[in-house]
PDB file of N, CA and C in Angstrom:
ATOM      1  N   MET A   1     -80.586  58.788  39.169  1.00  0.00           N
ATOM      2  CA  MET A   1     -81.198  57.563  39.555  1.00  0.00           C
ATOM      3  C   MET A   1     -80.284  56.416  39.385  1.00  0.00           C
ATOM      4  N   SER A   2     -80.171  55.546  40.399  1.00  0.00           N
ATOM      5  CA  SER A   2     -79.288  54.370  40.194  1.00  0.00           C
ATOM      6  C   SER A   2     -80.120  53.211  39.660  1.00  0.00           C
ATOM      7  N   ALA A   3     -79.548  52.176  39.310  1.00  0.00           N
ATOM      8  CA  ALA A   3     -80.159  50.974  38.665  1.00  0.00           C
ATOM      9  C   ALA A   3     -81.108  50.277  39.742  1.00  0.00           C
ATOM     10  N   THR A   4     -80.818  50.488  40.959  1.00  0.00           N
ATOM     11  CA  THR A   4     -81.650  49.783  42.022  1.00  0.00           C
ATOM     12  C   THR A   4     -82.901  50.563  42.400  1.00  0.00           C
ATOM     13  N   THR A   5     -82.911  51.874  42.145  1.00  0.00           N
ATOM     14  CA  THR A   5     -84.082  52.703  42.593  1.00  0.00           C
ATOM     15  C   THR A   5     -85.228  52.597  41.469  1.00  0.00           C
ATOM     16  N   PRO A   6     -86.363  52.185  41.947  1.00  0.00           N
ATOM     17  CA  PRO A   6     -87.427  52.036  40.952  1.00  0.00           C
ATOM     18  C   PRO A   6     -87.940  53.403  40.579  1.00  0.00           C
ATOM     19  N   ALA A   7     -88.463  53.509  39.447  1.00  0.00           N
ATOM     20  CA  ALA A   7     -88.985  54.755  38.915  1.00  0.00           C
ATOM     21  C   ALA A   7     -90.315  55.035  39.618  1.00  0.00           C
ATOM     22  N   ARG A   8     -90.522  56.269  39.949  1.00  0.00           N
ATOM     23  CA  ARG A   8     -91.800  56.587  40.601  1.00  0.00           C
ATOM     24  C   ARG A   8     -93.026  56.635  39.626  1.00  0.00           C
ATOM     25  N   ARG A   9     -94.100  56.094  40.012  1.00  0.00           N
ATOM     26  CA  ARG A   9     -95.230  56.097  39.002  1.00  0.00           C
ATOM     27  C   ARG A   9     -95.912  57.466  39.187  1.00  0.00           C
ATOM     28  N   VAL A  10     -96.384  57.869  38.104  1.00  0.00           N
ATOM     29  CA  VAL A  10     -97.234  59.151  38.158  1.00  0.00           C
ATOM     30  C   VAL A  10     -98.630  58.745  38.224  1.00  0.00           C
ATOM     31  N   ALA A  11     -99.233  59.242  39.281  1.00  0.00           N
ATOM     32  CA  ALA A  11    -100.682  58.948  39.453  1.00  0.00           C
ATOM     33  C   ALA A  11    -101.539  59.770  38.449  1.00  0.00           C
ATOM     34  N   LEU A  12    -102.694  59.157  38.238  1.00  0.00           N
ATOM     35  CA  LEU A  12    -103.703  59.909  37.460  1.00  0.00           C
ATOM     36  C   LEU A  12    -104.142  61.211  38.052  1.00  0.00           C
ATOM     37  N   PRO A  13    -104.548  62.254  37.345  1.00  0.00           N
ATOM     38  CA  PRO A  13    -105.053  63.360  37.980  1.00  0.00           C
ATOM     39  C   PRO A  13    -106.447  63.063  38.590  1.00  0.00           C
ATOM     40  N   VAL A  14    -106.747  63.645  39.687  1.00  0.00           N
ATOM     41  CA  VAL A  14    -107.891  63.401  40.419  1.00  0.00           C
ATOM     42  C   VAL A  14    -109.160  63.681  39.634  1.00  0.00           C
ATOM     43  N   TRP A  15    -109.138  64.708  38.695  1.00  0.00           N
ATOM     44  CA  TRP A  15    -110.239  65.011  37.876  1.00  0.00           C
ATOM     45  C   TRP A  15    -110.522  63.860  36.843  1.00  0.00           C
ATOM     46  N   LEU A  16    -109.539  63.141  36.468  1.00  0.00           N
ATOM     47  CA  LEU A  16    -109.703  61.984  35.471  1.00  0.00           C
ATOM     48  C   LEU A  16    -110.265  60.859  36.246  1.00  0.00           C
ATOM     49  N   ILE A  17    -109.786  60.581  37.348  1.00  0.00           N
ATOM     50  CA  ILE A  17    -110.369  59.428  38.256  1.00  0.00           C
ATOM     51  C   ILE A  17    -111.804  59.676  38.505  1.00  0.00           C
ATOM     52  N   VAL A  18    -112.152  60.929  38.887  1.00  0.00           N
ATOM     53  CA  VAL A  18    -113.569  61.258  39.197  1.00  0.00           C
ATOM     54  C   VAL A  18    -114.384  61.117  37.987  1.00  0.00           C
ATOM     55  N   THR A  19    -113.920  61.603  36.795  1.00  0.00           N
ATOM     56  CA  THR A  19    -114.726  61.556  35.554  1.00  0.00           C
ATOM     57  C   THR A  19    -114.998  60.060  35.178  1.00  0.00           C
ATOM     58  N   ILE A  20    -113.937  59.282  35.212  1.00  0.00           N
ATOM     59  CA  ILE A  20    -114.169  57.910  34.769  1.00  0.00           C
ATOM     60  C   ILE A  20    -114.986  57.088  35.752  1.00  0.00           C
ATOM     61  N   ALA A  21    -114.747  57.343  37.014  1.00  0.00           N
ATOM     62  CA  ALA A  21    -115.500  56.656  38.041  1.00  0.00           C
ATOM     63  C   ALA A  21    -116.970  57.172  38.096  1.00  0.00           C
ATOM     64  N   GLY A  22    -117.110  58.463  37.924  1.00  0.00           N
ATOM     65  CA  GLY A  22    -118.517  59.000  37.909  1.00  0.00           C
ATOM     66  C   GLY A  22    -119.331  58.581  36.672  1.00  0.00           C
ATOM     67  N   PHE A  23    -118.754  58.451  35.549  1.00  0.00           N
ATOM     68  CA  PHE A  23    -119.417  57.952  34.366  1.00  0.00           C
ATOM     69  C   PHE A  23    -119.799  56.445  34.566  1.00  0.00           C
ATOM     70  N   ALA A  24    -118.853  55.708  35.174  1.00  0.00           N
ATOM     71  CA  ALA A  24    -119.201  54.263  35.331  1.00  0.00           C
ATOM     72  C   ALA A  24    -120.302  54.087  36.510  1.00  0.00           C
ATOM     73  N   ALA A  25    -120.183  55.064  37.478  1.00  0.00           N
ATOM     74  CA  ALA A  25    -121.154  55.040  38.592  1.00  0.00           C
ATOM     75  C   ALA A  25    -122.588  55.210  38.179  1.00  0.00           C
ATOM     76  N   LEU A  26    -122.756  55.909  37.064  1.00  0.00           N
ATOM     77  CA  LEU A  26    -124.144  56.130  36.557  1.00  0.00           C
ATOM     78  C   LEU A  26    -124.743  54.842  36.112  1.00  0.00           C
ATOM     79  N   PHE A  27    -123.898  53.998  35.473  1.00  0.00           N
ATOM     80  CA  PHE A  27    -124.383  52.694  34.982  1.00  0.00           C
ATOM     81  C   PHE A  27    -124.658  51.721  36.148  1.00  0.00           C
ATOM     82  N   PHE A  28    -123.805  51.761  37.160  1.00  0.00           N
ATOM     83  CA  PHE A  28    -123.895  50.979  38.383  1.00  0.00           C
ATOM     84  C   PHE A  28    -125.197  51.368  39.111  1.00  0.00           C
ATOM     85  N   ALA A  29    -125.422  52.671  39.135  1.00  0.00           N
ATOM     86  CA  ALA A  29    -126.627  53.191  39.859  1.00  0.00           C
ATOM     87  C   ALA A  29    -127.867  52.725  39.092  1.00  0.00           C
ATOM     88  N   PHE A  30    -127.826  52.700  37.769  1.00  0.00           N
ATOM     89  CA  PHE A  30    -128.913  52.190  36.956  1.00  0.00           C
ATOM     90  C   PHE A  30    -129.333  50.830  37.373  1.00  0.00           C
ATOM     91  N   ALA A  31    -128.171  49.986  37.424  1.00  0.00           N
ATOM     92  CA  ALA A  31    -128.428  48.587  37.823  1.00  0.00           C
ATOM     93  C   ALA A  31    -129.021  48.443  39.213  1.00  0.00           C
ATOM     94  N   LEU A  32    -128.514  49.288  40.142  1.00  0.00           N
ATOM     95  CA  LEU A  32    -129.085  49.232  41.508  1.00  0.00           C
ATOM     96  C   LEU A  32    -130.563  49.655  41.458  1.00  0.00           C
ATOM     97  N   TRP A  33    -130.914  50.736  40.856  1.00  0.00           N
ATOM     98  CA  TRP A  33    -132.309  51.259  40.911  1.00  0.00           C
ATOM     99  C   TRP A  33    -133.254  50.266  40.172  1.00  0.00           C
ATOM    100  N   THR A  34    -132.737  49.611  39.185  1.00  0.00           N
ATOM    101  CA  THR A  34    -133.611  48.661  38.431  1.00  0.00           C
ATOM    102  C   THR A  34    -133.836  47.435  39.371  1.00  0.00           C
ATOM    103  N   ALA A  35    -132.840  47.006  40.055  1.00  0.00           N
ATOM    104  CA  ALA A  35    -132.954  45.778  41.020  1.00  0.00           C
ATOM    105  C   ALA A  35    -133.911  46.244  42.177  1.00  0.00           C
ATOM    106  N   LEU A  36    -133.738  47.549  42.638  1.00  0.00           N
ATOM    107  CA  LEU A  36    -134.654  47.997  43.664  1.00  0.00           C
ATOM    108  C   LEU A  36    -136.058  48.034  43.231  1.00  0.00           C
ATOM    109  N   GLY A  37    -136.291  48.534  42.045  1.00  0.00           N
ATOM    110  CA  GLY A  37    -137.585  48.628  41.526  1.00  0.00           C
ATOM    111  C   GLY A  37    -138.259  47.271  41.358  1.00  0.00           C
ATOM    112  N   PHE A  38    -137.514  46.272  40.858  1.00  0.00           N
ATOM    113  CA  PHE A  38    -137.989  44.953  40.779  1.00  0.00           C
ATOM    114  C   PHE A  38    -138.344  44.383  42.134  1.00  0.00           C
ATOM    115  N   LEU A  39    -137.513  44.627  43.093  1.00  0.00           N
ATOM    116  CA  LEU A  39    -137.812  44.067  44.424  1.00  0.00           C
ATOM    117  C   LEU A  39    -139.103  44.650  45.036  1.00  0.00           C
ATOM    118  N   LEU A  40    -139.270  46.009  44.783  1.00  0.00           N
ATOM    119  CA  LEU A  40    -140.450  46.587  45.389  1.00  0.00           C
ATOM    120  C   LEU A  40    -141.709  46.215  44.604  1.00  0.00           C
ATOM    121  N   GLN A  41    -141.494  46.023  43.318  1.00  0.00           N
ATOM    122  CA  GLN A  41    -142.624  45.515  42.554  1.00  0.00           C
ATOM    123  C   GLN A  41    -143.095  44.088  43.003  1.00  0.00           C
ATOM    124  N   GLN A  42    -142.180  43.221  43.184  1.00  0.00           N
ATOM    125  CA  GLN A  42    -142.488  41.923  43.569  1.00  0.00           C
ATOM    126  C   GLN A  42    -143.056  41.829  45.013  1.00  0.00           C
ATOM    127  N   ALA A  43    -142.470  42.730  45.934  1.00  0.00           N
ATOM    128  CA  ALA A  43    -142.922  42.663  47.298  1.00  0.00           C
ATOM    129  C   ALA A  43    -144.383  43.312  47.445  1.00  0.00           C
ATOM    130  N   GLY A  44    -144.660  44.173  46.509  1.00  0.00           N
ATOM    131  CA  GLY A  44    -146.000  44.723  46.587  1.00  0.00           C
ATOM    132  C   GLY A  44    -147.054  43.999  45.728  1.00  0.00           C
ATOM    133  N   GLY A  45    -146.647  42.995  45.128  1.00  0.00           N
ATOM    134  CA  GLY A  45    -147.556  42.171  44.333  1.00  0.00           C
ATOM    135  C   GLY A  45    -148.674  41.448  45.066  1.00  0.00           C
ATOM    136  N   ASP A  46    -149.440  40.630  44.373  1.00  0.00           N
ATOM    137  CA  ASP A  46    -150.485  39.907  45.024  1.00  0.00           C
ATOM    138  C   ASP A  46    -150.013  38.907  46.052  1.00  0.00           C
ATOM    139  N   ALA A  47    -148.947  38.193  45.720  1.00  0.00           N
ATOM    140  CA  ALA A  47    -148.504  37.184  46.558  1.00  0.00           C
ATOM    141  C   ALA A  47    -147.517  37.671  47.722  1.00  0.00           C
ATOM    142  N   GLY A  48    -146.751  38.712  47.379  1.00  0.00           N
ATOM    143  CA  GLY A  48    -145.758  39.118  48.376  1.00  0.00           C
ATOM    144  C   GLY A  48    -144.487  38.275  48.322  1.00  0.00           C
ATOM    145  N   LEU A  49    -143.606  38.529  49.160  1.00  0.00           N
ATOM    146  CA  LEU A  49    -142.244  37.729  49.193  1.00  0.00           C
ATOM    147  C   LEU A  49    -142.181  36.956  50.478  1.00  0.00           C
ATOM    148  N   THR A  50    -141.505  35.826  50.373  1.00  0.00           N
ATOM    149  CA  THR A  50    -141.097  35.157  51.626  1.00  0.00           C
ATOM    150  C   THR A  50    -139.764  35.768  52.084  1.00  0.00           C
ATOM    151  N   GLY A  51    -139.256  35.257  53.283  1.00  0.00           N
ATOM    152  CA  GLY A  51    -137.965  35.751  53.729  1.00  0.00           C
ATOM    153  C   GLY A  51    -136.877  35.444  52.696  1.00  0.00           C
ATOM    154  N   TYR A  52    -136.921  34.234  52.173  1.00  0.00           N
ATOM    155  CA  TYR A  52    -135.987  33.800  51.166  1.00  0.00           C
ATOM    156  C   TYR A  52    -136.100  34.669  49.881  1.00  0.00           C
ATOM    157  N   GLY A  53    -137.287  35.056  49.542  1.00  0.00           N
ATOM    158  CA  GLY A  53    -137.500  35.972  48.447  1.00  0.00           C
ATOM    159  C   GLY A  53    -136.902  37.303  48.662  1.00  0.00           C
ATOM    160  N   TRP A  54    -136.951  37.840  49.938  1.00  0.00           N
ATOM    161  CA  TRP A  54    -136.391  39.152  50.253  1.00  0.00           C
ATOM    162  C   TRP A  54    -134.838  38.986  50.132  1.00  0.00           C
ATOM    163  N   PHE A  55    -134.322  37.874  50.680  1.00  0.00           N
ATOM    164  CA  PHE A  55    -132.898  37.695  50.626  1.00  0.00           C
ATOM    165  C   PHE A  55    -132.385  37.631  49.094  1.00  0.00           C
ATOM    166  N   VAL A  56    -133.076  36.805  48.310  1.00  0.00           N
ATOM    167  CA  VAL A  56    -132.583  36.686  46.912  1.00  0.00           C
ATOM    168  C   VAL A  56    -132.691  38.015  46.165  1.00  0.00           C
ATOM    169  N   LEU A  57    -133.834  38.649  46.312  1.00  0.00           N
ATOM    170  CA  LEU A  57    -133.949  39.902  45.602  1.00  0.00           C
ATOM    171  C   LEU A  57    -133.315  41.142  46.137  1.00  0.00           C
ATOM    172  N   LEU A  58    -132.713  40.980  47.430  1.00  0.00           N
ATOM    173  CA  LEU A  58    -131.912  42.122  47.901  1.00  0.00           C
ATOM    174  C   LEU A  58    -130.437  41.945  47.426  1.00  0.00           C
ATOM    175  N   LEU A  59    -130.071  40.825  46.969  1.00  0.00           N
ATOM    176  CA  LEU A  59    -128.718  40.576  46.585  1.00  0.00           C
ATOM    177  C   LEU A  59    -128.347  41.496  45.346  1.00  0.00           C
ATOM    178  N   PRO A  60    -129.276  41.504  44.308  1.00  0.00           N
ATOM    179  CA  PRO A  60    -128.872  42.460  43.128  1.00  0.00           C
ATOM    180  C   PRO A  60    -128.921  43.897  43.481  1.00  0.00           C
ATOM    181  N   VAL A  61    -129.506  44.215  44.695  1.00  0.00           N
ATOM    182  CA  VAL A  61    -129.448  45.618  45.055  1.00  0.00           C
ATOM    183  C   VAL A  61    -128.194  45.990  45.722  1.00  0.00           C
ATOM    184  N   LEU A  62    -127.596  45.107  46.460  1.00  0.00           N
ATOM    185  CA  LEU A  62    -126.300  45.348  47.092  1.00  0.00           C
ATOM    186  C   LEU A  62    -125.074  44.971  46.221  1.00  0.00           C
ATOM    187  N   PHE A  63    -125.233  44.135  45.321  1.00  0.00           N
ATOM    188  CA  PHE A  63    -124.170  43.637  44.448  1.00  0.00           C
ATOM    189  C   PHE A  63    -123.469  44.789  43.656  1.00  0.00           C
ATOM    190  N   PRO A  64    -124.271  45.629  42.951  1.00  0.00           N
ATOM    191  CA  PRO A  64    -123.514  46.736  42.301  1.00  0.00           C
ATOM    192  C   PRO A  64    -122.708  47.710  43.166  1.00  0.00           C
ATOM    193  N   ILE A  65    -123.110  47.769  44.367  1.00  0.00           N
ATOM    194  CA  ILE A  65    -122.343  48.630  45.335  1.00  0.00           C
ATOM    195  C   ILE A  65    -121.028  47.959  45.698  1.00  0.00           C
ATOM    196  N   VAL A  66    -121.022  46.709  45.917  1.00  0.00           N
ATOM    197  CA  VAL A  66    -119.887  45.936  46.336  1.00  0.00           C
ATOM    198  C   VAL A  66    -118.909  45.792  45.164  1.00  0.00           C
ATOM    199  N   VAL A  67    -119.457  45.564  43.966  1.00  0.00           N
ATOM    200  CA  VAL A  67    -118.578  45.434  42.762  1.00  0.00           C
ATOM    201  C   VAL A  67    -117.956  46.725  42.341  1.00  0.00           C
ATOM    202  N   PHE A  68    -118.700  47.874  42.394  1.00  0.00           N
ATOM    203  CA  PHE A  68    -118.172  49.141  42.130  1.00  0.00           C
ATOM    204  C   PHE A  68    -117.051  49.447  43.105  1.00  0.00           C
ATOM    205  N   ALA A  69    -117.258  49.272  44.358  1.00  0.00           N
ATOM    206  CA  ALA A  69    -116.222  49.518  45.378  1.00  0.00           C
ATOM    207  C   ALA A  69    -114.958  48.717  45.196  1.00  0.00           C
ATOM    208  N   GLY A  70    -115.183  47.460  44.807  1.00  0.00           N
ATOM    209  CA  GLY A  70    -114.049  46.606  44.575  1.00  0.00           C
ATOM    210  C   GLY A  70    -113.270  47.011  43.325  1.00  0.00           C
ATOM    211  N   CYS A  71    -114.032  47.280  42.253  1.00  0.00           N
ATOM    212  CA  CYS A  71    -113.347  47.723  41.018  1.00  0.00           C
ATOM    213  C   CYS A  71    -112.582  49.053  41.178  1.00  0.00           C
ATOM    214  N   PHE A  72    -113.255  49.945  41.966  1.00  0.00           N
ATOM    215  CA  PHE A  72    -112.585  51.236  42.181  1.00  0.00           C
ATOM    216  C   PHE A  72    -111.285  51.086  42.983  1.00  0.00           C
ATOM    217  N   ALA A  73    -111.433  50.154  44.129  1.00  0.00           N
ATOM    218  CA  ALA A  73    -110.237  49.958  44.909  1.00  0.00           C
ATOM    219  C   ALA A  73    -109.104  49.307  44.107  1.00  0.00           C
ATOM    220  N   LEU A  74    -109.433  48.465  43.219  1.00  0.00           N
ATOM    221  CA  LEU A  74    -108.373  47.725  42.430  1.00  0.00           C
ATOM    222  C   LEU A  74    -107.775  48.646  41.260  1.00  0.00           C
ATOM    223  N   GLY A  75    -108.621  49.633  40.826  1.00  0.00           N
ATOM    224  CA  GLY A  75    -108.224  50.277  39.588  1.00  0.00           C
ATOM    225  C   GLY A  75    -107.800  51.698  39.682  1.00  0.00           C
ATOM    226  N   TRP A  76    -108.029  52.373  40.766  1.00  0.00           N
ATOM    227  CA  TRP A  76    -107.839  53.872  40.774  1.00  0.00           C
ATOM    228  C   TRP A  76    -106.430  54.255  40.652  1.00  0.00           C
ATOM    229  N   ARG A  77    -105.513  53.391  40.975  1.00  0.00           N
ATOM    230  CA  ARG A  77    -104.084  53.627  40.853  1.00  0.00           C
ATOM    231  C   ARG A  77    -103.494  53.307  39.499  1.00  0.00           C
ATOM    232  N   ARG A  78    -104.264  52.705  38.780  1.00  0.00           N
ATOM    233  CA  ARG A  78    -103.768  52.260  37.304  1.00  0.00           C
ATOM    234  C   ARG A  78    -103.936  53.401  36.385  1.00  0.00           C
ATOM    235  N   LYS A  79    -103.458  53.176  35.141  1.00  0.00           N
ATOM    236  CA  LYS A  79    -103.664  54.181  34.061  1.00  0.00           C
ATOM    237  C   LYS A  79    -105.172  54.224  33.731  1.00  0.00           C
ATOM    238  N   ALA A  80    -105.501  55.263  32.927  1.00  0.00           N
ATOM    239  CA  ALA A  80    -106.949  55.444  32.671  1.00  0.00           C
ATOM    240  C   ALA A  80    -107.604  54.308  31.853  1.00  0.00           C
ATOM    241  N   GLY A  81    -106.891  53.727  30.851  1.00  0.00           N
ATOM    242  CA  GLY A  81    -107.488  52.639  30.098  1.00  0.00           C
ATOM    243  C   GLY A  81    -107.807  51.462  30.917  1.00  0.00           C
ATOM    244  N   PRO A  82    -106.808  50.918  31.669  1.00  0.00           N
ATOM    245  CA  PRO A  82    -107.087  49.696  32.520  1.00  0.00           C
ATOM    246  C   PRO A  82    -108.195  50.014  33.611  1.00  0.00           C
ATOM    247  N   PHE A  83    -108.225  51.238  34.120  1.00  0.00           N
ATOM    248  CA  PHE A  83    -109.214  51.610  35.110  1.00  0.00           C
ATOM    249  C   PHE A  83    -110.570  51.603  34.532  1.00  0.00           C
ATOM    250  N   ALA A  84    -110.730  52.113  33.412  1.00  0.00           N
ATOM    251  CA  ALA A  84    -111.994  52.150  32.690  1.00  0.00           C
ATOM    252  C   ALA A  84    -112.443  50.713  32.322  1.00  0.00           C
ATOM    253  N   LEU A  85    -111.493  49.840  31.903  1.00  0.00           N
ATOM    254  CA  LEU A  85    -111.805  48.545  31.486  1.00  0.00           C
ATOM    255  C   LEU A  85    -112.183  47.614  32.758  1.00  0.00           C
ATOM    256  N   LEU A  86    -111.540  47.925  33.833  1.00  0.00           N
ATOM    257  CA  LEU A  86    -111.911  47.253  35.142  1.00  0.00           C
ATOM    258  C   LEU A  86    -113.256  47.594  35.567  1.00  0.00           C
ATOM    259  N   LEU A  87    -113.683  48.798  35.395  1.00  0.00           N
ATOM    260  CA  LEU A  87    -114.986  49.236  35.747  1.00  0.00           C
ATOM    261  C   LEU A  87    -116.056  48.664  34.755  1.00  0.00           C
ATOM    262  N   LEU A  88    -115.649  48.618  33.479  1.00  0.00           N
ATOM    263  CA  LEU A  88    -116.569  48.005  32.552  1.00  0.00           C
ATOM    264  C   LEU A  88    -116.742  46.479  32.826  1.00  0.00           C
ATOM    265  N   LEU A  89    -115.610  45.786  33.214  1.00  0.00           N
ATOM    266  CA  LEU A  89    -115.722  44.383  33.557  1.00  0.00           C
ATOM    267  C   LEU A  89    -116.628  44.215  34.741  1.00  0.00           C
ATOM    268  N   GLY A  90    -116.566  45.054  35.759  1.00  0.00           N
ATOM    269  CA  GLY A  90    -117.426  44.995  36.894  1.00  0.00           C
ATOM    270  C   GLY A  90    -118.872  45.210  36.551  1.00  0.00           C
ATOM    271  N   LEU A  91    -119.107  46.152  35.664  1.00  0.00           N
ATOM    272  CA  LEU A  91    -120.481  46.365  35.097  1.00  0.00           C
ATOM    273  C   LEU A  91    -121.041  45.156  34.399  1.00  0.00           C
ATOM    274  N   CYS A  92    -120.242  44.515  33.671  1.00  0.00           N
ATOM    275  CA  CYS A  92    -120.588  43.247  32.945  1.00  0.00           C
ATOM    276  C   CYS A  92    -121.026  42.141  33.946  1.00  0.00           C
ATOM    277  N   LEU A  93    -120.136  42.080  35.066  1.00  0.00           N
ATOM    278  CA  LEU A  93    -120.450  41.111  36.117  1.00  0.00           C
ATOM    279  C   LEU A  93    -121.721  41.363  36.776  1.00  0.00           C
ATOM    280  N   VAL A  94    -122.055  42.684  37.031  1.00  0.00           N
ATOM    281  CA  VAL A  94    -123.321  43.064  37.642  1.00  0.00           C
ATOM    282  C   VAL A  94    -124.534  42.687  36.716  1.00  0.00           C
ATOM    283  N   ALA A  95    -124.283  42.963  35.403  1.00  0.00           N
ATOM    284  CA  ALA A  95    -125.382  42.688  34.420  1.00  0.00           C
ATOM    285  C   ALA A  95    -125.646  41.136  34.369  1.00  0.00           C
ATOM    286  N   VAL A  96    -124.636  40.365  34.392  1.00  0.00           N
ATOM    287  CA  VAL A  96    -124.888  38.852  34.384  1.00  0.00           C
ATOM    288  C   VAL A  96    -125.498  38.481  35.557  1.00  0.00           C
ATOM    289  N   PHE A  97    -125.030  38.899  36.729  1.00  0.00           N
ATOM    290  CA  PHE A  97    -125.700  38.572  38.090  1.00  0.00           C
ATOM    291  C   PHE A  97    -127.197  38.967  38.077  1.00  0.00           C
ATOM    292  N   TRP A  98    -127.467  40.200  37.549  1.00  0.00           N
ATOM    293  CA  TRP A  98    -128.821  40.639  37.554  1.00  0.00           C
ATOM    294  C   TRP A  98    -129.738  39.708  36.658  1.00  0.00           C
ATOM    295  N   LEU A  99    -129.196  39.365  35.535  1.00  0.00           N
ATOM    296  CA  LEU A  99    -129.978  38.498  34.565  1.00  0.00           C
ATOM    297  C   LEU A  99    -130.148  37.139  35.268  1.00  0.00           C
ATOM    298  N   ASP A 100    -129.210  36.644  36.034  1.00  0.00           N
ATOM    299  CA  ASP A 100    -129.314  35.364  36.637  1.00  0.00           C
ATOM    300  C   ASP A 100    -130.429  35.408  37.732  1.00  0.00           C
ATOM    301  N   ILE A 101    -130.377  36.417  38.512  1.00  0.00           N
ATOM    302  CA  ILE A 101    -131.400  36.684  39.640  1.00  0.00           C
ATOM    303  C   ILE A 101    -132.730  36.796  38.898  1.00  0.00           C
ATOM    304  N   PHE A 102    -132.885  37.544  37.891  1.00  0.00           N
ATOM    305  CA  PHE A 102    -134.152  37.747  37.180  1.00  0.00           C
ATOM    306  C   PHE A 102    -134.715  36.438  36.645  1.00  0.00           C
ATOM    307  N   ALA A 103    -133.828  35.686  36.026  1.00  0.00           N
ATOM    308  CA  ALA A 103    -134.300  34.326  35.508  1.00  0.00           C
ATOM    309  C   ALA A 103    -134.707  33.410  36.703  1.00  0.00           C
ATOM    310  N   TYR A 104    -133.875  33.440  37.658  1.00  0.00           N
ATOM    311  CA  TYR A 104    -134.191  32.598  38.956  1.00  0.00           C
ATOM    312  C   TYR A 104    -135.521  33.027  39.530  1.00  0.00           C
ATOM    313  N   ALA A 105    -135.746  34.264  39.637  1.00  0.00           N
ATOM    314  CA  ALA A 105    -137.041  34.799  40.275  1.00  0.00           C
ATOM    315  C   ALA A 105    -138.222  34.408  39.394  1.00  0.00           C
ATOM    316  N   SER A 106    -138.034  34.337  38.115  1.00  0.00           N
ATOM    317  CA  SER A 106    -139.199  34.068  37.284  1.00  0.00           C
ATOM    318  C   SER A 106    -139.637  32.613  37.236  1.00  0.00           C
ATOM    319  N   VAL A 107    -138.742  31.699  37.714  1.00  0.00           N
ATOM    320  CA  VAL A 107    -139.149  30.288  37.724  1.00  0.00           C
ATOM    321  C   VAL A 107    -139.166  29.663  39.064  1.00  0.00           C
ATOM    322  N   THR A 108    -138.955  30.332  40.121  1.00  0.00           N
ATOM    323  CA  THR A 108    -138.814  29.760  41.428  1.00  0.00           C
ATOM    324  C   THR A 108    -140.097  30.285  42.270  1.00  0.00           C
ATOM    325  N   PRO A 109    -141.058  29.357  42.508  1.00  0.00           N
ATOM    326  CA  PRO A 109    -142.168  29.775  43.286  1.00  0.00           C
ATOM    327  C   PRO A 109    -141.949  29.931  44.740  1.00  0.00           C
ATOM    328  N   SER A 110    -140.761  29.425  45.277  1.00  0.00           N
ATOM    329  CA  SER A 110    -140.523  29.456  46.805  1.00  0.00           C
ATOM    330  C   SER A 110    -140.157  30.965  47.204  1.00  0.00           C
ATOM    331  N   LEU A 111    -139.960  31.817  46.188  1.00  0.00           N
ATOM    332  CA  LEU A 111    -139.689  33.134  46.611  1.00  0.00           C
ATOM    333  C   LEU A 111    -140.982  33.901  46.968  1.00  0.00           C
ATOM    334  N   TYR A 112    -142.165  33.406  46.659  1.00  0.00           N
ATOM    335  CA  TYR A 112    -143.404  34.129  46.812  1.00  0.00           C
ATOM    336  C   TYR A 112    -144.279  33.435  47.749  1.00  0.00           C
ATOM    337  N   ASN A 113    -145.200  34.135  48.381  1.00  0.00           N
ATOM    338  CA  ASN A 113    -146.127  33.528  49.352  1.00  0.00           C
ATOM    339  C   ASN A 113    -147.199  32.750  48.816  1.00  0.00           C
ATOM    340  N   ALA A 114    -147.463  32.655  47.574  1.00  0.00           N
ATOM    341  CA  ALA A 114    -148.538  32.014  46.902  1.00  0.00           C
ATOM    342  C   ALA A 114    -148.562  30.596  47.116  1.00  0.00           C
TER     343      ALA A 114
END
């Protein structure tokens, strides 16, 4: 190898990528199903939801999918530690977003038809 030739990076084994991503995907799926359950519970309640309410409560259903895809795209070529930390950071972002939406839905009457 000459001084100008960069060293080739060794990629992670596929089984390790699948294991790390699959373990993280379980937590992202839990966030998604929790958000979907809250959406359906609020939609089936006495007051129902307005169009704005559907929009606001659909965001936390879609957000874990987008964040997981972004974290996976950014991290799957990195080493195992940074890949796992990136997925954990994405999960923390999803949790904060979910708590923000939950708090907003609890104090905003414009989401409901009442």
